[in-house]
Amino acid sequence: MIYFRMNRMKKCENTSSLGEFNYMIPVSGIGVDKFFHNYDVSLHNELWASAFSGSFAAGMTWNWERVFGWMDGIPPPPDDDNDILYSINNPNGFTSQLGESNVINIGSTYKSITNRRLNHHFALLRSLLEHPSWVVYNFFDHDFTTEKAFDNGNDIEAYFLKNVEQNLAIGWVHNRNAWVRNNYFLSSVDQNFLGCVAPGSNSITLAGFAQETQFYVSWFLHVLIVPNTRLRWNWNLQRPVISSWT
């Protein structure tokens, strides 16, 4: 990725820079990122981690056809010859066309997945950054630092921006199990569709905040569509900060 590192976003108003997203995850020699909704997880992680990394870039992805669902942009996934019900559930074979569905055998059950665009992730991030509860602080008109943290078991990570007064921050907390290797499907015998499990711990310490200060945590409504991992955050929920924050 190519980017300019800035401490004040308003300094970048007349600056243009480019950043490139994506990586190919090969399974049995075949990249699975674009099949079904696997790149949904990857694009989500790329956008949110980059947004709170302290860098400024106009992001581009080489998986453009998957993000926007352009007609005939993606070849269909390979047939699942190991599934005895494949032809019955998918009489025309697997499809990559927008709005059409595939029925896959994930071992314990069958699941229907509809091909859809992924650009909704941009709107979700924008709604957070432009939410009135956040805009009122004029955070990006002042200096801030970039921070990151990991829990002791390395199951949870956080990337966040913190003001120099150390009493205000915004960021992203992520279950590190949520990535494409834990949510892909190539065939009924080569898949890990339900591999995204809850993290081994449920707390993370964010250090460097002002002492003797009462903090409040606001959770943003955020549903990540991954089996067994649905995160729901609500801006309207406010409560004193828990002891795992310092």
Protein backbone atom coordinates (compact mmCIF):
# COMPACT_ATOMS: atom_id res chain seq x y z
CA MET A 1 0.00 0.00 0.00
CA ILE A 2 1.20 3.51 -0.81
CA TYR A 3 0.09 6.31 1.47
CA PHE A 4 0.99 9.58 3.17
CA ARG A 5 1.06 9.42 6.95
CA MET A 6 -0.66 12.43 8.50
CA ASN A 7 -1.51 13.51 12.03
CA ARG A 8 -4.12 16.07 11.02
CA MET A 9 -6.64 15.01 8.43
CA LYS A 10 -7.43 18.58 7.41
CA LYS A 11 -3.87 18.90 6.11
CA CYS A 12 -4.79 16.32 3.48
CA GLU A 13 -7.62 18.26 1.87
CA ASN A 14 -5.62 18.91 -1.31
CA THR A 15 -3.56 15.74 -1.19
CA SER A 16 -4.19 12.77 -3.46
CA SER A 17 -2.73 9.37 -2.72
CA LEU A 18 -3.43 5.81 -3.71
CA GLY A 19 -3.66 2.65 -1.68
CA GLU A 20 -4.24 -0.87 -2.89
CA PHE A 21 -6.19 -3.54 -1.05
CA ASN A 22 -6.44 -7.29 -1.38
CA TYR A 23 -4.49 -10.49 -1.20
CA MET A 24 -5.18 -13.85 -2.81
CA ILE A 25 -5.80 -16.81 -0.56
CA PRO A 26 -5.04 -19.99 -2.54
CA VAL A 27 -6.77 -23.23 -1.58
CA SER A 28 -5.71 -26.26 -3.61
CA GLY A 29 -4.07 -23.79 -6.00
CA ILE A 30 -7.28 -21.78 -6.50
CA GLY A 31 -7.90 -18.30 -5.10
CA VAL A 32 -11.10 -18.39 -3.03
CA ASP A 33 -11.39 -14.69 -2.23
CA LYS A 34 -14.00 -13.96 -4.89
CA PHE A 35 -16.14 -17.08 -4.49
CA PHE A 36 -19.47 -16.78 -2.71
CA HIS A 37 -19.11 -14.08 -0.03
CA ASN A 38 -15.55 -14.75 1.18
CA TYR A 39 -14.22 -11.35 0.15
CA ASP A 40 -16.97 -9.84 2.28
CA VAL A 41 -14.84 -10.65 5.32
CA SER A 42 -11.57 -9.50 3.75
CA LEU A 43 -12.88 -6.18 2.45
CA HIS A 44 -14.47 -5.45 5.81
CA ASN A 45 -11.18 -6.04 7.62
CA GLU A 46 -9.14 -4.05 5.09
CA LEU A 47 -11.38 -0.99 5.30
CA TRP A 48 -11.75 -0.82 9.05
CA ALA A 49 -8.11 -1.57 9.89
CA SER A 50 -6.95 1.02 7.36
CA ALA A 51 -9.40 3.67 8.56
CA PHE A 52 -7.94 3.61 12.06
CA SER A 53 -4.30 3.01 11.16
CA GLY A 54 -3.52 6.73 11.04
CA SER A 55 -2.84 6.64 7.30
CA PHE A 56 -4.65 8.53 4.57
CA ALA A 57 -5.32 6.91 1.22
CA ALA A 58 -7.84 6.61 -1.56
CA GLY A 59 -8.21 2.85 -1.38
CA MET A 60 -8.47 0.69 -4.47
CA THR A 61 -8.97 -3.05 -4.60
CA TRP A 62 -7.95 -5.47 -7.31
CA ASN A 63 -11.13 -7.39 -6.45
CA TRP A 64 -13.24 -4.59 -7.93
CA GLU A 65 -15.52 -6.97 -9.82
CA ARG A 66 -16.39 -8.75 -6.57
CA VAL A 67 -17.03 -5.54 -4.64
CA PHE A 68 -19.38 -4.04 -7.23
CA GLY A 69 -20.82 -7.24 -8.67
CA TRP A 70 -20.15 -6.32 -12.30
CA MET A 71 -21.84 -8.60 -14.81
CA ASP A 72 -19.58 -11.34 -16.15
CA GLY A 73 -16.69 -9.94 -14.12
CA ILE A 74 -16.12 -13.14 -12.14
CA PRO A 75 -15.98 -16.68 -13.53
CA PRO A 76 -18.26 -19.16 -11.77
CA PRO A 77 -16.79 -21.23 -8.93
CA PRO A 78 -15.70 -24.77 -9.86
CA ASP A 79 -18.27 -27.56 -9.64
CA ASP A 80 -18.50 -29.51 -6.41
CA ASP A 81 -18.16 -33.06 -7.75
CA ASN A 82 -17.91 -34.44 -4.20
CA ASP A 83 -21.44 -33.40 -3.26
CA ILE A 84 -24.02 -35.98 -4.32
CA LEU A 85 -26.79 -33.34 -4.23
CA TYR A 86 -24.82 -30.71 -6.09
CA SER A 87 -26.70 -31.04 -9.40
CA ILE A 88 -30.06 -31.22 -7.66
CA ASN A 89 -29.46 -28.10 -5.58
CA ASN A 90 -27.66 -26.25 -8.38
CA PRO A 91 -29.16 -27.53 -11.67
CA ASN A 92 -27.26 -24.95 -13.72
CA GLY A 93 -24.05 -25.28 -11.70
CA PHE A 94 -22.55 -22.65 -9.43
CA THR A 95 -22.99 -19.06 -10.57
CA SER A 96 -21.20 -15.78 -9.91
CA GLN A 97 -23.94 -13.54 -11.32
CA LEU A 98 -25.28 -10.81 -9.08
CA GLY A 99 -28.56 -11.73 -7.38
CA GLU A 100 -28.33 -15.45 -8.18
CA SER A 101 -27.83 -18.05 -5.44
CA ASN A 102 -25.64 -21.08 -4.82
CA VAL A 103 -26.44 -23.94 -2.44
CA ILE A 104 -23.29 -25.28 -0.79
CA ASN A 105 -22.66 -28.35 1.35
CA ILE A 106 -20.82 -27.22 4.48
CA GLY A 107 -20.76 -30.68 6.05
CA SER A 108 -23.40 -30.43 8.76
CA THR A 109 -26.00 -28.74 6.57
CA TYR A 110 -26.66 -26.99 3.27
CA LYS A 111 -26.60 -23.23 2.96
CA SER A 112 -27.91 -20.97 0.20
CA ILE A 113 -25.76 -17.91 -0.54
CA THR A 114 -26.94 -15.10 -2.79
CA ASN A 115 -24.29 -13.20 -4.75
CA ARG A 116 -24.38 -9.55 -3.72
CA ARG A 117 -22.35 -6.38 -3.94
CA LEU A 118 -19.92 -5.55 -1.14
CA ASN A 119 -19.85 -1.76 -1.39
CA HIS A 120 -22.18 -1.54 1.62
CA HIS A 121 -19.03 -1.68 3.76
CA PHE A 122 -18.11 1.84 2.66
CA ALA A 123 -21.49 3.18 3.78
CA LEU A 124 -21.18 1.49 7.17
CA LEU A 125 -17.82 3.10 7.90
CA ARG A 126 -19.03 6.48 6.71
CA SER A 127 -22.11 6.29 8.94
CA LEU A 128 -19.81 5.83 11.94
CA LEU A 129 -17.46 8.70 11.10
CA GLU A 130 -20.34 11.06 10.26
CA HIS A 131 -22.63 10.11 13.15
CA PRO A 132 -23.83 13.23 15.05
CA SER A 133 -22.72 11.69 18.35
CA TRP A 134 -19.16 11.72 17.01
CA VAL A 135 -19.06 14.78 14.74
CA VAL A 136 -19.92 17.06 17.66
CA TYR A 137 -16.40 16.52 19.08
CA ASN A 138 -14.63 17.88 15.93
CA PHE A 139 -12.04 15.17 16.51
CA PHE A 140 -10.36 15.40 13.10
CA ASP A 141 -9.84 19.18 13.43
CA HIS A 142 -7.25 18.55 16.12
CA ASP A 143 -4.10 16.49 16.54
CA PHE A 144 -4.41 12.81 17.34
CA THR A 145 -2.19 9.78 17.71
CA THR A 146 -2.51 6.29 16.27
CA GLU A 147 -2.73 3.36 18.66
CA LYS A 148 -3.09 -0.41 18.58
CA ALA A 149 -3.57 -3.10 21.18
CA PHE A 150 -3.86 -6.87 21.47
CA ASP A 151 -5.25 -9.05 24.22
CA ASN A 152 -2.98 -11.48 26.09
CA GLY A 153 -4.08 -14.44 24.00
CA ASN A 154 -3.67 -12.54 20.73
CA ASP A 155 -7.32 -13.28 19.89
CA ILE A 156 -8.57 -9.68 19.90
CA GLU A 157 -6.99 -6.64 18.28
CA ALA A 158 -7.87 -2.95 18.36
CA TYR A 159 -6.79 -0.09 16.12
CA PHE A 160 -7.84 3.36 17.25
CA LEU A 161 -7.16 7.08 17.04
CA LYS A 162 -6.77 9.03 20.30
CA ASN A 163 -6.71 12.78 20.87
CA VAL A 164 -3.62 14.37 22.47
CA GLU A 165 -5.60 15.14 25.63
CA GLN A 166 -6.01 11.36 25.97
CA ASN A 167 -9.70 11.59 26.83
CA LEU A 168 -11.32 10.76 23.50
CA ALA A 169 -10.80 7.95 20.99
CA ILE A 170 -12.45 6.18 18.09
CA GLY A 171 -11.48 2.81 16.66
CA TRP A 172 -12.18 -0.77 15.71
CA VAL A 173 -12.07 -3.89 17.91
CA HIS A 174 -11.73 -7.10 15.93
CA ASN A 175 -11.98 -10.82 16.56
CA ARG A 176 -8.81 -12.07 14.85
CA ASN A 177 -10.53 -15.35 14.00
CA ALA A 178 -12.68 -13.42 11.52
CA TRP A 179 -10.75 -13.69 8.28
CA VAL A 180 -11.07 -15.53 4.99
CA ARG A 181 -9.20 -18.69 6.05
CA ASN A 182 -11.92 -19.24 8.63
CA ASN A 183 -14.80 -18.51 6.28
CA TYR A 184 -14.15 -19.95 2.84
CA PHE A 185 -15.73 -22.61 0.65
CA LEU A 186 -14.19 -24.29 -2.37
CA SER A 187 -15.98 -27.65 -2.23
CA SER A 188 -17.71 -29.85 0.30
CA VAL A 189 -14.37 -31.55 1.08
CA ASP A 190 -12.26 -28.39 0.94
CA GLN A 191 -13.87 -25.72 3.07
CA ASN A 192 -13.83 -24.02 6.47
CA PHE A 193 -17.07 -22.13 6.23
CA LEU A 194 -17.85 -22.22 9.95
CA GLY A 195 -14.27 -21.75 11.14
CA CYS A 196 -14.80 -18.26 12.54
CA VAL A 197 -15.27 -18.87 16.25
CA ALA A 198 -15.53 -16.52 19.20
CA PRO A 199 -12.21 -15.29 20.61
CA GLY A 200 -10.69 -17.09 23.58
CA SER A 201 -10.93 -13.97 25.75
CA ASN A 202 -13.52 -11.24 26.15
CA SER A 203 -11.45 -8.23 27.24
CA ILE A 204 -8.66 -6.05 25.92
CA THR A 205 -6.69 -3.28 27.61
CA LEU A 206 -6.36 0.07 25.85
CA ALA A 207 -3.55 1.96 27.54
CA GLY A 208 -2.45 5.59 27.65
CA PHE A 209 -5.66 7.37 28.58
CA ALA A 210 -5.91 10.28 31.02
CA GLN A 211 -5.82 9.31 34.67
CA GLU A 212 -8.55 10.17 37.20
CA THR A 213 -11.03 10.57 34.35
CA GLN A 214 -14.41 8.94 33.94
CA PHE A 215 -14.86 7.45 30.49
CA TYR A 216 -17.92 6.29 28.61
CA VAL A 217 -18.03 3.69 25.86
CA SER A 218 -20.39 4.09 22.90
CA TRP A 219 -20.90 1.01 20.75
CA PHE A 220 -21.79 1.47 17.09
CA LEU A 221 -24.40 -0.86 15.57
CA HIS A 222 -22.30 -3.17 13.46
CA VAL A 223 -23.35 -6.60 12.22
CA LEU A 224 -20.65 -8.63 10.48
CA ILE A 225 -22.32 -11.38 8.48
CA VAL A 226 -20.11 -14.31 9.41
CA PRO A 227 -21.46 -17.61 10.75
CA ASN A 228 -21.15 -17.87 14.54
CA THR A 229 -19.84 -14.28 14.76
CA ARG A 230 -22.42 -11.49 14.86
CA LEU A 231 -21.24 -8.32 16.55
CA ARG A 232 -23.93 -5.83 17.52
CA TRP A 233 -22.82 -2.40 18.72
CA ASN A 234 -25.19 0.42 19.59
CA TRP A 235 -24.30 4.11 19.69
CA ASN A 236 -27.13 4.78 22.16
CA LEU A 237 -25.63 2.50 24.81
CA GLN A 238 -23.42 4.47 27.20
CA ARG A 239 -21.86 3.18 30.39
CA PRO A 240 -18.76 3.89 32.51
CA VAL A 241 -15.62 2.35 31.08
CA ILE A 242 -14.79 -1.10 32.39
CA SER A 243 -11.62 -1.81 34.32
CA SER A 244 -9.86 -3.43 31.37
CA TRP A 245 -9.38 0.05 29.89
CA THR A 246 -6.63 2.26 31.32
